[in-house]
Amino acid sequence: MEEREIITALNRIDADNTVVLDPPYLDEAIIGISQDDKVIYSFEELVRARMKHEGCEYQAAVDDIYHNTIDSLPTMGEYAPIILFEIDSLNK
């Protein structure tokens, strides 16, 4: 089962409203779903997916995710995804 199918199956309340990031390869960074039906992404996995599929360097991937994803979260509504910054990655 693909990540997007799992999200639909797990969402109990507002599956139609849950925001999933595009392009679909970013599904590789999904690590869970919050209690209020928001998709949770690992920041580091978003970076890895961007590097793998776009062929960019680490810093370019980080910049792209901040500019095109994190900065856009407020416009995505109440079901905007959560980007998890893992403590280990912050200590690098």
Foldseek 3Di string as FASTA:
>chain_A
DQLLVVLLVPDDDCNVLADDDDDPLQSQQFDDADPNSATEGELVSQLVSCCVPVVDDSVVSNVCCVVVPVVCQVVSPPRRHHYDYDPVNVVD
